Amino acid sequence: MLSGRRLDLLDPSPLDVEVEDIAHGLARVARWNGQTTGAHIFSVAQHSLLVEALARQKSPRLDAKARIAVLLHDAPEYVIGDMISPFKAVIGDSYKAVEKRLLGAIHLRFGLPATLPDPLTKLIKTADRAAAFLEATRLAGFERAEAKAFFGPPPKFSAALERDYLTPWPAETAAERYRERFRKLVDA
């Protein structure tokens, strides 16, 4: 990692996880295999911020620790990349096992339980699917009916949310906004 840490993918230690590395890596990983509109990739960092905003909109009383968990929901991708769901299904349990170990180490590093409580996991999945619907229809060329078949019904969202999160940012902007949001939640 750029921080100087060496992260063992098969046995990750929470001591080797740094938010700077996560923000940097996620800002350079493309969602949708880069098949999105705009001058820049739509990064996993930007997606994570969108998911956290959607979760916050759905559950305004969500505490800061839970919001950190939402922000970190795809954090393992800072080292293993983002794979489209059909390919993850082909790879199967090996990929899921590595991802789960990494996420557990990341959670422990930031004072979260290795495995999140079911209601929070459900909220994250709901917000993640809502974000995927918006990204699919706004950035990846899906028709609404096609997106609905994959991701469920269209989410309710504000014009401000669309304006603030659905135009791809340069990698430096995505990394900085991710770090800023993380710091704000930690300080809350």
C-alpha atoms as a PDB file:
ATOM      1  CA  MET A   1       0.000   0.000   0.000  1.00  0.00           C
ATOM      2  CA  LEU A   2       1.135   3.583  -0.502  1.00  0.00           C
ATOM      3  CA  SER A   3       1.071   4.012   3.286  1.00  0.00           C
ATOM      4  CA  GLY A   4       3.867   1.459   3.488  1.00  0.00           C
ATOM      5  CA  ARG A   5       1.590  -1.227   4.929  1.00  0.00           C
ATOM      6  CA  ARG A   6       1.755  -4.767   3.590  1.00  0.00           C
ATOM      7  CA  LEU A   7      -1.685  -6.373   3.573  1.00  0.00           C
ATOM      8  CA  ASP A   8      -1.899 -10.165   3.512  1.00  0.00           C
ATOM      9  CA  LEU A   9      -4.983 -10.957   1.418  1.00  0.00           C
ATOM     10  CA  LEU A  10      -5.369 -14.428   2.888  1.00  0.00           C
ATOM     11  CA  ASP A  11      -4.918 -13.375   6.513  1.00  0.00           C
ATOM     12  CA  PRO A  12      -5.508  -9.621   6.679  1.00  0.00           C
ATOM     13  CA  SER A  13      -4.618  -7.817   9.883  1.00  0.00           C
ATOM     14  CA  PRO A  14      -6.638  -4.794  11.005  1.00  0.00           C
ATOM     15  CA  LEU A  15      -3.268  -3.185  11.851  1.00  0.00           C
ATOM     16  CA  ASP A  16      -2.422  -3.074   8.143  1.00  0.00           C
ATOM     17  CA  VAL A  17      -5.555  -1.163   7.124  1.00  0.00           C
ATOM     18  CA  GLU A  18      -5.446   2.627   6.656  1.00  0.00           C
ATOM     19  CA  VAL A  19      -8.282   4.849   5.469  1.00  0.00           C
ATOM     20  CA  GLU A  20      -5.831   6.735   3.229  1.00  0.00           C
ATOM     21  CA  ASP A  21      -5.129   3.518   1.310  1.00  0.00           C
ATOM     22  CA  ILE A  22      -8.838   2.697   1.117  1.00  0.00           C
ATOM     23  CA  ALA A  23      -9.761   6.151  -0.222  1.00  0.00           C
ATOM     24  CA  HIS A  24      -6.890   6.157  -2.717  1.00  0.00           C
ATOM     25  CA  GLY A  25      -7.650   2.662  -4.003  1.00  0.00           C
ATOM     26  CA  LEU A  26     -11.436   3.005  -4.198  1.00  0.00           C
ATOM     27  CA  ALA A  27     -11.115   6.310  -6.068  1.00  0.00           C
ATOM     28  CA  ARG A  28      -9.223   4.467  -8.808  1.00  0.00           C
ATOM     29  CA  VAL A  29     -11.502   1.413  -9.105  1.00  0.00           C
ATOM     30  CA  ALA A  30     -14.209   1.776 -11.757  1.00  0.00           C
ATOM     31  CA  ARG A  31     -17.782   0.679 -11.174  1.00  0.00           C
ATOM     32  CA  TRP A  32     -19.519  -1.017 -14.116  1.00  0.00           C
ATOM     33  CA  ASN A  33     -16.097  -2.056 -15.511  1.00  0.00           C
ATOM     34  CA  GLY A  34     -15.685   1.549 -16.595  1.00  0.00           C
ATOM     35  CA  GLN A  35     -18.670   1.334 -18.964  1.00  0.00           C
ATOM     36  CA  THR A  36     -20.219   4.620 -17.826  1.00  0.00           C
ATOM     37  CA  THR A  37     -20.749   8.029 -19.325  1.00  0.00           C
ATOM     38  CA  GLY A  38     -18.665  11.034 -18.379  1.00  0.00           C
ATOM     39  CA  ALA A  39     -15.118  12.268 -18.613  1.00  0.00           C
ATOM     40  CA  HIS A  40     -14.051  10.210 -15.576  1.00  0.00           C
ATOM     41  CA  ILE A  41     -14.744   6.725 -14.287  1.00  0.00           C
ATOM     42  CA  PHE A  42     -17.533   6.346 -11.772  1.00  0.00           C
ATOM     43  CA  SER A  43     -15.432   5.094  -8.892  1.00  0.00           C
ATOM     44  CA  VAL A  44     -16.204   2.772  -6.021  1.00  0.00           C
ATOM     45  CA  ALA A  45     -15.323   5.670  -3.695  1.00  0.00           C
ATOM     46  CA  GLN A  46     -18.033   7.823  -5.280  1.00  0.00           C
ATOM     47  CA  HIS A  47     -20.453   4.871  -5.211  1.00  0.00           C
ATOM     48  CA  SER A  48     -19.722   4.354  -1.498  1.00  0.00           C
ATOM     49  CA  LEU A  49     -20.515   8.001  -0.790  1.00  0.00           C
ATOM     50  CA  LEU A  50     -23.765   7.676  -2.752  1.00  0.00           C
ATOM     51  CA  VAL A  51     -24.739   4.550  -0.797  1.00  0.00           C
ATOM     52  CA  GLU A  52     -24.015   6.319   2.499  1.00  0.00           C
ATOM     53  CA  ALA A  53     -26.124   9.314   1.402  1.00  0.00           C
ATOM     54  CA  LEU A  54     -29.010   7.012   0.419  1.00  0.00           C
ATOM     55  CA  ALA A  55     -28.788   5.135   3.737  1.00  0.00           C
ATOM     56  CA  ARG A  56     -28.750   8.452   5.600  1.00  0.00           C
ATOM     57  CA  GLN A  57     -31.816   9.576   3.641  1.00  0.00           C
ATOM     58  CA  LYS A  58     -33.627   6.309   4.432  1.00  0.00           C
ATOM     59  CA  SER A  59     -32.578   6.238   8.113  1.00  0.00           C
ATOM     60  CA  PRO A  60     -31.867   9.809   9.266  1.00  0.00           C
ATOM     61  CA  ARG A  61     -31.245   8.693  12.865  1.00  0.00           C
ATOM     62  CA  LEU A  62     -28.503   6.259  11.893  1.00  0.00           C
ATOM     63  CA  ASP A  63     -25.546   6.797  14.225  1.00  0.00           C
ATOM     64  CA  ALA A  64     -22.035   7.663  13.056  1.00  0.00           C
ATOM     65  CA  LYS A  65     -20.638   4.139  13.597  1.00  0.00           C
ATOM     66  CA  ALA A  66     -23.358   2.647  11.407  1.00  0.00           C
ATOM     67  CA  ARG A  67     -22.718   5.309   8.754  1.00  0.00           C
ATOM     68  CA  ILE A  68     -19.018   4.394   8.814  1.00  0.00           C
ATOM     69  CA  ALA A  69     -20.021   0.767   8.207  1.00  0.00           C
ATOM     70  CA  VAL A  70     -22.130   1.880   5.237  1.00  0.00           C
ATOM     71  CA  LEU A  71     -19.270   3.969   3.832  1.00  0.00           C
ATOM     72  CA  LEU A  72     -16.924   0.966   4.170  1.00  0.00           C
ATOM     73  CA  HIS A  73     -19.336  -1.550   2.612  1.00  0.00           C
ATOM     74  CA  ASP A  74     -17.182  -2.012  -0.513  1.00  0.00           C
ATOM     75  CA  ALA A  75     -13.830  -1.204   1.132  1.00  0.00           C
ATOM     76  CA  PRO A  76     -12.239  -4.595   0.289  1.00  0.00           C
ATOM     77  CA  GLU A  77     -12.311  -3.489  -3.339  1.00  0.00           C
ATOM     78  CA  TYR A  78      -9.440  -1.099  -2.615  1.00  0.00           C
ATOM     79  CA  VAL A  79      -7.170  -4.139  -2.962  1.00  0.00           C
ATOM     80  CA  ILE A  80      -9.216  -6.756  -4.854  1.00  0.00           C
ATOM     81  CA  GLY A  81     -11.015  -4.477  -7.321  1.00  0.00           C
ATOM     82  CA  ASP A  82     -14.671  -4.418  -8.295  1.00  0.00           C
ATOM     83  CA  MET A  83     -16.033  -7.318 -10.269  1.00  0.00           C
ATOM     84  CA  ILE A  84     -19.389  -7.347 -11.970  1.00  0.00           C
ATOM     85  CA  SER A  85     -21.901  -9.614 -10.220  1.00  0.00           C
ATOM     86  CA  PRO A  86     -22.136 -12.247 -12.995  1.00  0.00           C
ATOM     87  CA  PHE A  87     -18.362 -12.774 -12.835  1.00  0.00           C
ATOM     88  CA  LYS A  88     -18.408 -12.954  -9.015  1.00  0.00           C
ATOM     89  CA  ALA A  89     -20.976 -15.739  -9.368  1.00  0.00           C
ATOM     90  CA  VAL A  90     -18.642 -17.650 -11.718  1.00  0.00           C
ATOM     91  CA  ILE A  91     -15.708 -17.345  -9.303  1.00  0.00           C
ATOM     92  CA  GLY A  92     -17.934 -18.267  -6.389  1.00  0.00           C
ATOM     93  CA  ASP A  93     -16.994 -18.906  -2.810  1.00  0.00           C
ATOM     94  CA  SER A  94     -13.245 -18.231  -3.068  1.00  0.00           C
ATOM     95  CA  TYR A  95     -13.786 -14.584  -3.967  1.00  0.00           C
ATOM     96  CA  LYS A  96     -16.485 -14.197  -1.311  1.00  0.00           C
ATOM     97  CA  ALA A  97     -14.220 -15.693   1.365  1.00  0.00           C
ATOM     98  CA  VAL A  98     -11.366 -13.277   0.605  1.00  0.00           C
ATOM     99  CA  GLU A  99     -13.792 -10.353   0.486  1.00  0.00           C
ATOM    100  CA  LYS A 100     -15.361 -11.371   3.820  1.00  0.00           C
ATOM    101  CA  ARG A 101     -11.986 -11.690   5.582  1.00  0.00           C
ATOM    102  CA  LEU A 102     -10.880  -8.311   4.273  1.00  0.00           C
ATOM    103  CA  LEU A 103     -14.118  -6.625   5.314  1.00  0.00           C
ATOM    104  CA  GLY A 104     -13.872  -8.172   8.774  1.00  0.00           C
ATOM    105  CA  ALA A 105     -10.335  -6.803   9.216  1.00  0.00           C
ATOM    106  CA  ILE A 106     -11.434  -3.382   7.946  1.00  0.00           C
ATOM    107  CA  HIS A 107     -14.367  -3.332  10.355  1.00  0.00           C
ATOM    108  CA  LEU A 108     -12.164  -4.278  13.305  1.00  0.00           C
ATOM    109  CA  ARG A 109      -9.623  -1.610  12.358  1.00  0.00           C
ATOM    110  CA  PHE A 110     -12.271   1.076  12.688  1.00  0.00           C
ATOM    111  CA  GLY A 111     -13.997  -0.213  15.812  1.00  0.00           C
ATOM    112  CA  LEU A 112     -16.876  -2.040  14.148  1.00  0.00           C
ATOM    113  CA  PRO A 113     -17.855  -5.669  14.682  1.00  0.00           C
ATOM    114  CA  ALA A 114     -16.317  -8.020  12.112  1.00  0.00           C
ATOM    115  CA  THR A 115     -19.850  -9.093  11.172  1.00  0.00           C
ATOM    116  CA  LEU A 116     -22.492  -6.382  11.207  1.00  0.00           C
ATOM    117  CA  PRO A 117     -25.943  -6.806  12.785  1.00  0.00           C
ATOM    118  CA  ASP A 118     -28.610  -8.036  10.351  1.00  0.00           C
ATOM    119  CA  PRO A 119     -30.688  -4.805  10.304  1.00  0.00           C
ATOM    120  CA  LEU A 120     -27.613  -2.759   9.330  1.00  0.00           C
ATOM    121  CA  THR A 121     -26.594  -5.314   6.716  1.00  0.00           C
ATOM    122  CA  LYS A 122     -30.118  -5.140   5.272  1.00  0.00           C
ATOM    123  CA  LEU A 123     -30.014  -1.314   5.177  1.00  0.00           C
ATOM    124  CA  ILE A 124     -26.642  -1.411   3.395  1.00  0.00           C
ATOM    125  CA  LYS A 125     -27.953  -3.876   0.796  1.00  0.00           C
ATOM    126  CA  THR A 126     -31.068  -1.757   0.231  1.00  0.00           C
ATOM    127  CA  ALA A 127     -29.032   1.444  -0.212  1.00  0.00           C
ATOM    128  CA  ASP A 128     -26.496  -0.397  -2.403  1.00  0.00           C
ATOM    129  CA  ARG A 129     -29.242  -1.673  -4.721  1.00  0.00           C
ATOM    130  CA  ALA A 130     -30.809   1.798  -4.853  1.00  0.00           C
ATOM    131  CA  ALA A 131     -27.429   3.265  -5.810  1.00  0.00           C
ATOM    132  CA  ALA A 132     -26.982   0.565  -8.460  1.00  0.00           C
ATOM    133  CA  PHE A 133     -30.407   1.425  -9.930  1.00  0.00           C
ATOM    134  CA  LEU A 134     -29.460   5.125 -10.143  1.00  0.00           C
ATOM    135  CA  GLU A 135     -26.016   4.411 -11.572  1.00  0.00           C
ATOM    136  CA  ALA A 136     -27.434   1.943 -14.093  1.00  0.00           C
ATOM    137  CA  THR A 137     -30.066   4.366 -15.404  1.00  0.00           C
ATOM    138  CA  ARG A 138     -28.042   7.583 -15.163  1.00  0.00           C
ATOM    139  CA  LEU A 139     -24.575   6.396 -16.124  1.00  0.00           C
ATOM    140  CA  ALA A 140     -24.513   2.849 -17.544  1.00  0.00           C
ATOM    141  CA  GLY A 141     -27.174   2.969 -20.270  1.00  0.00           C
ATOM    142  CA  PHE A 142     -29.856   0.796 -18.658  1.00  0.00           C
ATOM    143  CA  GLU A 143     -33.519   1.399 -19.383  1.00  0.00           C
ATOM    144  CA  ARG A 144     -35.670   1.796 -16.244  1.00  0.00           C
ATOM    145  CA  ALA A 145     -37.439  -1.558 -16.787  1.00  0.00           C
ATOM    146  CA  GLU A 146     -34.128  -3.378 -17.174  1.00  0.00           C
ATOM    147  CA  ALA A 147     -32.692  -1.726 -14.045  1.00  0.00           C
ATOM    148  CA  LYS A 148     -35.859  -2.572 -12.120  1.00  0.00           C
ATOM    149  CA  ALA A 149     -35.505  -6.239 -13.084  1.00  0.00           C
ATOM    150  CA  PHE A 150     -31.928  -6.322 -11.743  1.00  0.00           C
ATOM    151  CA  PHE A 151     -32.057  -3.921  -8.795  1.00  0.00           C
ATOM    152  CA  GLY A 152     -35.686  -3.622  -7.749  1.00  0.00           C
ATOM    153  CA  PRO A 153     -37.946  -0.576  -7.798  1.00  0.00           C
ATOM    154  CA  PRO A 154     -36.512   2.891  -8.397  1.00  0.00           C
ATOM    155  CA  PRO A 155     -35.473   4.574  -5.163  1.00  0.00           C
ATOM    156  CA  LYS A 156     -36.803   7.860  -3.894  1.00  0.00           C
ATOM    157  CA  PHE A 157     -34.065  10.449  -3.974  1.00  0.00           C
ATOM    158  CA  SER A 158     -33.610  14.182  -4.068  1.00  0.00           C
ATOM    159  CA  ALA A 159     -32.458  16.261  -7.007  1.00  0.00           C
ATOM    160  CA  ALA A 160     -29.567  17.392  -4.797  1.00  0.00           C
ATOM    161  CA  LEU A 161     -28.468  13.787  -4.334  1.00  0.00           C
ATOM    162  CA  GLU A 162     -28.437  13.224  -8.086  1.00  0.00           C
ATOM    163  CA  ARG A 163     -26.606  16.499  -8.689  1.00  0.00           C
ATOM    164  CA  ASP A 164     -24.047  15.833  -5.948  1.00  0.00           C
ATOM    165  CA  TYR A 165     -23.271  12.156  -6.572  1.00  0.00           C
ATOM    166  CA  LEU A 166     -24.141  11.068 -10.122  1.00  0.00           C
ATOM    167  CA  THR A 167     -21.639  12.988 -12.200  1.00  0.00           C
ATOM    168  CA  PRO A 168     -18.321  11.087 -12.205  1.00  0.00           C
ATOM    169  CA  TRP A 169     -15.511  12.909 -10.403  1.00  0.00           C
ATOM    170  CA  PRO A 170     -11.772  12.883 -11.024  1.00  0.00           C
ATOM    171  CA  ALA A 171      -9.985  10.281  -8.857  1.00  0.00           C
ATOM    172  CA  GLU A 172      -8.419  12.953  -6.637  1.00  0.00           C
ATOM    173  CA  THR A 173     -11.839  14.466  -5.897  1.00  0.00           C
ATOM    174  CA  ALA A 174     -13.364  11.064  -5.120  1.00  0.00           C
ATOM    175  CA  ALA A 175     -10.511  10.161  -2.759  1.00  0.00           C
ATOM    176  CA  GLU A 176     -10.648  13.502  -0.957  1.00  0.00           C
ATOM    177  CA  ARG A 177     -14.427  13.468  -0.552  1.00  0.00           C
ATOM    178  CA  TYR A 178     -14.253   9.885   0.752  1.00  0.00           C
ATOM    179  CA  ARG A 179     -11.557  10.842   3.297  1.00  0.00           C
ATOM    180  CA  GLU A 180     -13.478  13.959   4.338  1.00  0.00           C
ATOM    181  CA  ARG A 181     -16.702  12.030   4.894  1.00  0.00           C
ATOM    182  CA  PHE A 182     -14.887   9.321   6.825  1.00  0.00           C
ATOM    183  CA  ARG A 183     -13.188  11.912   9.074  1.00  0.00           C
ATOM    184  CA  LYS A 184     -16.459  13.732   9.674  1.00  0.00           C
ATOM    185  CA  LEU A 185     -18.145  10.500  10.751  1.00  0.00           C
ATOM    186  CA  VAL A 186     -15.237   9.506  13.005  1.00  0.00           C
ATOM    187  CA  ASP A 187     -15.306  12.954  14.645  1.00  0.00           C
ATOM    188  CA  ALA A 188     -19.102  12.819  15.167  1.00  0.00           C
END
